[in-house]
Amino acid sequence: MNGVLIVVWVCAATAALVFAAMIVSIATFRRSLGDCPPTSVAGKTSEILWALIPIAIVVAAAIPAVRTIVAKTG
């Protein structure tokens, strides 16, 4: 296996682990004891950004590796 393919697999594994951890935490802690979520728009915006930033990091790391693999095979 070459280095580029390793990077792709590392990105895929990282994404799978992060999403699995998010799903487990959402399922486990969805109904906290007495805590109420913030109702402001800023709270929702920060939650959306908190989810999108890691996705963007993984995609940004995977794109050059995938381009290299496609260029070598095509």
N, C-alpha and C. Protein backbone atom coordinates (compact mmCIF):
# COMPACT_ATOMS: atom_id res chain seq x y z
N MET A 1 0.84 -1.19 0.00
CA MET A 1 0.00 0.00 0.00
C MET A 1 0.88 1.24 0.00
N ASN A 2 0.53 2.19 -0.83
CA ASN A 2 1.31 3.42 -0.86
C ASN A 2 0.78 4.42 0.18
N GLY A 3 1.53 5.48 0.39
CA GLY A 3 1.20 6.45 1.43
C GLY A 3 -0.13 7.15 1.21
N VAL A 4 -0.48 7.40 -0.04
CA VAL A 4 -1.72 8.11 -0.34
C VAL A 4 -2.93 7.26 0.05
N LEU A 5 -2.86 6.00 -0.25
CA LEU A 5 -3.97 5.12 0.10
C LEU A 5 -4.10 4.98 1.61
N ILE A 6 -2.98 5.00 2.30
CA ILE A 6 -3.02 4.96 3.76
C ILE A 6 -3.73 6.19 4.31
N VAL A 7 -3.46 7.36 3.73
CA VAL A 7 -4.11 8.59 4.17
C VAL A 7 -5.62 8.50 3.96
N VAL A 8 -6.04 7.95 2.84
CA VAL A 8 -7.48 7.79 2.57
C VAL A 8 -8.11 6.88 3.61
N TRP A 9 -7.47 5.77 3.92
CA TRP A 9 -8.02 4.85 4.91
C TRP A 9 -8.02 5.45 6.30
N VAL A 10 -7.00 6.23 6.63
CA VAL A 10 -6.98 6.89 7.94
C VAL A 10 -8.12 7.89 8.04
N CYS A 11 -8.36 8.64 6.98
CA CYS A 11 -9.49 9.60 6.98
C CYS A 11 -10.82 8.87 7.11
N ALA A 12 -10.97 7.77 6.40
CA ALA A 12 -12.22 7.00 6.47
C ALA A 12 -12.42 6.42 7.87
N ALA A 13 -11.36 5.88 8.45
CA ALA A 13 -11.48 5.31 9.79
C ALA A 13 -11.77 6.39 10.82
N THR A 14 -11.12 7.55 10.69
CA THR A 14 -11.37 8.65 11.61
C THR A 14 -12.82 9.12 11.51
N ALA A 15 -13.30 9.26 10.30
CA ALA A 15 -14.69 9.69 10.11
C ALA A 15 -15.65 8.66 10.71
N ALA A 16 -15.39 7.38 10.50
CA ALA A 16 -16.27 6.34 11.05
C ALA A 16 -16.26 6.37 12.57
N LEU A 17 -15.09 6.53 13.17
CA LEU A 17 -15.01 6.58 14.64
C LEU A 17 -15.71 7.81 15.21
N VAL A 18 -15.53 8.95 14.56
CA VAL A 18 -16.15 10.18 15.04
C VAL A 18 -17.67 10.09 14.95
N PHE A 19 -18.16 9.60 13.81
CA PHE A 19 -19.61 9.49 13.66
C PHE A 19 -20.20 8.44 14.61
N ALA A 20 -19.47 7.36 14.85
CA ALA A 20 -19.94 6.35 15.80
C ALA A 20 -20.00 6.95 17.21
N ALA A 21 -18.97 7.70 17.59
CA ALA A 21 -18.98 8.34 18.91
C ALA A 21 -20.12 9.35 19.03
N MET A 22 -20.38 10.10 17.96
CA MET A 22 -21.48 11.06 17.99
C MET A 22 -22.83 10.35 18.14
N ILE A 23 -23.02 9.27 17.42
CA ILE A 23 -24.29 8.54 17.49
C ILE A 23 -24.48 7.95 18.87
N VAL A 24 -23.43 7.37 19.44
CA VAL A 24 -23.53 6.79 20.78
C VAL A 24 -23.84 7.87 21.81
N SER A 25 -23.15 9.01 21.71
CA SER A 25 -23.40 10.07 22.69
C SER A 25 -24.79 10.68 22.54
N ILE A 26 -25.26 10.80 21.32
CA ILE A 26 -26.61 11.33 21.11
C ILE A 26 -27.64 10.36 21.67
N ALA A 27 -27.46 9.07 21.40
CA ALA A 27 -28.42 8.07 21.89
C ALA A 27 -28.37 7.95 23.41
N THR A 28 -27.19 8.08 23.99
CA THR A 28 -27.04 7.90 25.43
C THR A 28 -27.48 9.12 26.22
N PHE A 29 -27.09 10.29 25.79
CA PHE A 29 -27.30 11.51 26.57
C PHE A 29 -28.37 12.42 25.99
N ARG A 30 -29.26 11.88 25.19
CA ARG A 30 -30.29 12.69 24.56
C ARG A 30 -31.21 13.33 25.59
N ARG A 31 -31.52 12.63 26.61
CA ARG A 31 -32.44 13.13 27.65
C ARG A 31 -31.66 13.30 28.95
N SER A 32 -30.97 14.41 29.06
CA SER A 32 -30.20 14.69 30.28
C SER A 32 -31.15 14.97 31.44
N LEU A 33 -30.65 14.80 32.64
CA LEU A 33 -31.47 14.99 33.83
C LEU A 33 -31.65 16.47 34.15
N GLY A 34 -32.79 17.03 33.82
CA GLY A 34 -33.11 18.39 34.19
C GLY A 34 -32.44 19.47 33.36
N ASP A 35 -31.55 19.12 32.48
CA ASP A 35 -30.89 20.14 31.66
C ASP A 35 -31.78 20.47 30.47
N CYS A 36 -31.84 21.75 30.17
CA CYS A 36 -32.58 22.14 28.98
C CYS A 36 -31.59 22.77 27.99
N PRO A 37 -31.72 22.45 26.72
CA PRO A 37 -30.79 22.98 25.72
C PRO A 37 -31.00 24.47 25.52
N PRO A 38 -29.99 25.16 25.03
CA PRO A 38 -30.16 26.60 24.76
C PRO A 38 -31.20 26.81 23.67
N THR A 39 -31.99 27.84 23.84
CA THR A 39 -33.05 28.10 22.87
C THR A 39 -32.69 29.23 21.91
N SER A 40 -31.53 29.81 22.07
CA SER A 40 -31.15 30.93 21.21
C SER A 40 -30.67 30.42 19.86
N VAL A 41 -30.70 31.30 18.89
CA VAL A 41 -30.22 30.97 17.55
C VAL A 41 -28.71 30.76 17.58
N ALA A 42 -28.01 31.48 18.43
CA ALA A 42 -26.55 31.34 18.52
C ALA A 42 -26.19 29.93 18.97
N GLY A 43 -26.98 29.33 19.83
CA GLY A 43 -26.73 27.96 20.27
C GLY A 43 -26.85 26.97 19.13
N LYS A 44 -27.86 27.13 18.30
CA LYS A 44 -28.05 26.23 17.15
C LYS A 44 -26.94 26.44 16.13
N THR A 45 -26.56 27.68 15.91
CA THR A 45 -25.49 27.96 14.96
C THR A 45 -24.18 27.34 15.41
N SER A 46 -23.88 27.47 16.69
CA SER A 46 -22.63 26.89 17.19
C SER A 46 -22.67 25.37 17.14
N GLU A 47 -23.82 24.76 17.35
CA GLU A 47 -23.93 23.31 17.24
C GLU A 47 -23.70 22.85 15.81
N ILE A 48 -24.26 23.57 14.86
CA ILE A 48 -24.08 23.22 13.45
C ILE A 48 -22.61 23.36 13.06
N LEU A 49 -21.98 24.45 13.47
CA LEU A 49 -20.56 24.64 13.16
C LEU A 49 -19.71 23.57 13.85
N TRP A 50 -20.07 23.20 15.07
CA TRP A 50 -19.33 22.20 15.83
C TRP A 50 -19.36 20.85 15.09
N ALA A 51 -20.44 20.58 14.37
CA ALA A 51 -20.53 19.35 13.60
C ALA A 51 -19.86 19.46 12.24
N LEU A 52 -19.95 20.62 11.61
CA LEU A 52 -19.43 20.77 10.25
C LEU A 52 -17.91 20.94 10.18
N ILE A 53 -17.31 21.52 11.18
CA ILE A 53 -15.86 21.75 11.14
C ILE A 53 -15.07 20.44 11.08
N PRO A 54 -15.37 19.43 11.92
CA PRO A 54 -14.62 18.17 11.77
C PRO A 54 -14.84 17.48 10.43
N ILE A 55 -16.06 17.60 9.90
CA ILE A 55 -16.34 17.02 8.59
C ILE A 55 -15.49 17.72 7.54
N ALA A 56 -15.39 19.03 7.60
CA ALA A 56 -14.58 19.78 6.65
C ALA A 56 -13.10 19.41 6.76
N ILE A 57 -12.62 19.18 7.97
CA ILE A 57 -11.22 18.80 8.16
C ILE A 57 -10.95 17.44 7.51
N VAL A 58 -11.82 16.48 7.72
CA VAL A 58 -11.63 15.15 7.13
C VAL A 58 -11.70 15.23 5.61
N VAL A 59 -12.66 15.96 5.08
CA VAL A 59 -12.78 16.09 3.63
C VAL A 59 -11.56 16.80 3.05
N ALA A 60 -11.09 17.84 3.72
CA ALA A 60 -9.92 18.57 3.23
C ALA A 60 -8.67 17.69 3.25
N ALA A 61 -8.57 16.78 4.20
CA ALA A 61 -7.43 15.88 4.24
C ALA A 61 -7.55 14.78 3.20
N ALA A 62 -8.77 14.36 2.88
CA ALA A 62 -8.96 13.24 1.96
C ALA A 62 -8.91 13.65 0.50
N ILE A 63 -9.30 14.87 0.16
CA ILE A 63 -9.38 15.28 -1.24
C ILE A 63 -8.05 15.15 -1.97
N PRO A 64 -6.93 15.65 -1.45
CA PRO A 64 -5.67 15.48 -2.19
C PRO A 64 -5.28 14.01 -2.37
N ALA A 65 -5.55 13.20 -1.38
CA ALA A 65 -5.21 11.79 -1.49
C ALA A 65 -6.06 11.10 -2.54
N VAL A 66 -7.35 11.40 -2.56
CA VAL A 66 -8.23 10.79 -3.56
C VAL A 66 -7.87 11.27 -4.96
N ARG A 67 -7.54 12.54 -5.12
CA ARG A 67 -7.11 13.05 -6.43
C ARG A 67 -5.87 12.32 -6.93
N THR A 68 -4.94 12.07 -6.04
CA THR A 68 -3.72 11.36 -6.43
C THR A 68 -4.03 9.93 -6.85
N ILE A 69 -4.93 9.27 -6.12
CA ILE A 69 -5.30 7.90 -6.48
C ILE A 69 -6.00 7.87 -7.83
N VAL A 70 -6.91 8.81 -8.05
CA VAL A 70 -7.62 8.87 -9.33
C VAL A 70 -6.66 9.16 -10.47
N ALA A 71 -5.70 10.07 -10.25
CA ALA A 71 -4.74 10.39 -11.31
C ALA A 71 -3.86 9.20 -11.65
N LYS A 72 -3.51 8.38 -10.66
CA LYS A 72 -2.66 7.22 -10.92
C LYS A 72 -3.41 6.10 -11.60
N THR A 73 -4.69 5.96 -11.31
CA THR A 73 -5.47 4.87 -11.91
C THR A 73 -6.09 5.24 -13.24
N GLY A 74 -6.29 6.52 -13.46
CA GLY A 74 -6.99 6.93 -14.68
C GLY A 74 -6.15 7.44 -15.71
